[in-house]
Amino acid sequence: MTLRRFLIMTVVLLLLGVSCAVNFAAIQAEMPELSRKADGTYRGEYALSGTPVKVTLDVRLQDAKVTGIELVKHVCSPIGKKAEKITERIIEQQSLQVDAVSGATGSSKAILKAVEAALK
């Protein structure tokens, strides 16, 4: 096994081990009241404690509805990138009560919490 392959495998195993130690069920995001929020773009950030997962995003709001979510920065494992499609669910359902993307729960939760932070 080459050194590079060994290092990659070590990082993947560490990420898996860390993510297993986080209680994802305890991380809940709630949509803030938007009826009095001005139209515009709001930035939110969230770092998932105990993991390397960090999200920075911009949420566009118009007429008290989320019309767009742009990920500015998403630090995660390659598997965590799958969670980025959760933004479509948030916009479609106008809710943060959406299912996490299978296999990318940590990044899903971080994105949901970043949206919540942006809109508070």
Protein backbone atom coordinates (compact mmCIF):
# COMPACT_ATOMS: atom_id res chain seq x y z
CA MET A 1 0.00 0.00 0.00
CA THR A 2 1.40 3.37 -0.93
CA LEU A 3 1.78 6.11 1.65
CA ARG A 4 -0.78 8.27 -0.11
CA ARG A 5 -3.37 5.50 -0.12
CA PHE A 6 -2.66 4.78 3.53
CA LEU A 7 -3.15 8.43 4.47
CA ILE A 8 -6.42 8.66 2.54
CA MET A 9 -7.75 5.53 4.21
CA THR A 10 -6.71 6.85 7.63
CA VAL A 11 -8.53 10.15 7.07
CA VAL A 12 -11.68 8.37 5.86
CA LEU A 13 -11.69 6.05 8.87
CA LEU A 14 -11.16 8.98 11.24
CA LEU A 15 -14.05 10.88 9.66
CA LEU A 16 -16.30 7.85 9.94
CA GLY A 17 -15.31 7.35 13.56
CA VAL A 18 -15.92 10.99 14.44
CA SER A 19 -19.29 11.09 12.70
CA CYS A 20 -20.42 7.99 14.58
CA ALA A 21 -19.75 9.76 17.89
CA VAL A 22 -22.09 12.68 17.10
CA ASN A 23 -25.74 12.44 18.16
CA PHE A 24 -27.35 13.71 14.95
CA ALA A 25 -30.87 13.17 16.27
CA ALA A 26 -30.26 15.88 18.87
CA ILE A 27 -29.48 18.45 16.18
CA GLN A 28 -32.77 20.01 15.14
CA ALA A 29 -33.31 23.09 12.98
CA GLU A 30 -36.48 25.15 13.04
CA MET A 31 -37.60 27.66 10.45
CA PRO A 32 -37.72 31.13 12.01
CA GLU A 33 -40.81 33.31 11.47
CA LEU A 34 -40.32 34.96 8.08
CA SER A 35 -43.40 37.16 7.77
CA ARG A 36 -41.57 40.21 9.16
CA LYS A 37 -38.21 39.51 7.57
CA ALA A 38 -37.21 41.92 4.79
CA ASP A 39 -36.50 40.63 1.31
CA GLY A 40 -32.80 40.10 0.74
CA THR A 41 -29.89 37.73 1.06
CA TYR A 42 -28.84 36.48 4.46
CA ARG A 43 -25.63 34.64 5.36
CA GLY A 44 -25.57 31.74 7.76
CA GLU A 45 -22.81 29.55 9.14
CA TYR A 46 -22.68 26.37 11.14
CA ALA A 47 -19.83 24.14 12.31
CA LEU A 48 -20.82 20.64 13.36
CA SER A 49 -19.22 20.19 16.77
CA GLY A 50 -16.78 17.31 17.02
CA THR A 51 -16.40 17.01 13.25
CA PRO A 52 -14.57 18.86 10.48
CA VAL A 53 -17.94 19.71 8.83
CA LYS A 54 -18.49 23.46 8.35
CA VAL A 55 -21.02 25.27 6.18
CA THR A 56 -21.33 28.87 5.04
CA LEU A 57 -24.28 29.74 2.83
CA ASP A 58 -26.46 32.57 1.55
CA VAL A 59 -30.25 32.35 1.70
CA ARG A 60 -32.37 34.53 -0.60
CA LEU A 61 -35.70 35.60 0.81
CA GLN A 62 -38.55 37.20 -1.12
CA ASP A 63 -42.12 37.76 0.08
CA ALA A 64 -41.41 35.70 3.23
CA LYS A 65 -40.33 32.70 1.16
CA VAL A 66 -36.95 31.11 0.64
CA THR A 67 -36.24 31.50 -3.07
CA GLY A 68 -32.64 30.34 -3.20
CA ILE A 69 -29.81 28.86 -1.17
CA GLU A 70 -26.21 29.18 -2.34
CA LEU A 71 -23.48 27.22 -0.62
CA VAL A 72 -20.51 29.53 -0.23
CA LYS A 73 -18.31 26.99 1.57
CA HIS A 74 -18.92 23.39 2.56
CA VAL A 75 -16.06 21.61 4.30
CA CYS A 76 -16.83 17.90 4.44
CA SER A 77 -15.85 14.44 3.29
CA PRO A 78 -16.55 13.49 -0.33
CA ILE A 79 -19.64 11.62 0.88
CA GLY A 80 -20.90 14.77 2.61
CA LYS A 81 -21.18 16.55 -0.74
CA LYS A 82 -24.34 14.50 -1.38
CA ALA A 83 -26.07 16.59 1.31
CA GLU A 84 -25.96 19.70 -0.87
CA LYS A 85 -29.15 18.64 -2.64
CA ILE A 86 -31.04 19.18 0.63
CA THR A 87 -31.24 22.85 -0.32
CA GLU A 88 -33.73 21.92 -3.07
CA ARG A 89 -35.95 20.19 -0.49
CA ILE A 90 -35.85 23.23 1.81
CA ILE A 91 -36.96 25.55 -1.00
CA GLU A 92 -39.61 23.13 -2.28
CA GLN A 93 -41.14 22.51 1.15
CA GLN A 94 -40.41 25.95 2.65
CA SER A 95 -39.35 24.10 5.76
CA LEU A 96 -36.31 22.89 7.65
CA GLN A 97 -38.24 19.77 8.66
CA VAL A 98 -36.89 17.75 5.75
CA ASP A 99 -35.18 14.38 5.75
CA ALA A 100 -31.41 14.30 5.85
CA VAL A 101 -29.66 12.95 2.78
CA SER A 102 -28.85 9.28 3.38
CA GLY A 103 -25.16 8.75 4.03
CA ALA A 104 -24.57 12.48 4.57
CA THR A 105 -26.47 13.15 7.78
CA GLY A 106 -23.80 15.36 9.34
CA SER A 107 -23.55 17.67 6.36
CA SER A 108 -27.35 17.68 6.00
CA LYS A 109 -27.78 18.79 9.60
CA ALA A 110 -25.06 21.44 9.21
CA ILE A 111 -26.76 22.88 6.12
CA LEU A 112 -30.14 22.97 7.91
CA LYS A 113 -28.63 24.73 10.93
CA ALA A 114 -26.81 27.24 8.69
CA VAL A 115 -30.11 28.11 6.97
CA GLU A 116 -31.71 28.55 10.39
CA ALA A 117 -28.84 30.81 11.49
CA ALA A 118 -29.14 32.90 8.32
CA LEU A 119 -32.84 33.54 8.83
CA LYS A 120 -32.81 34.29 12.59
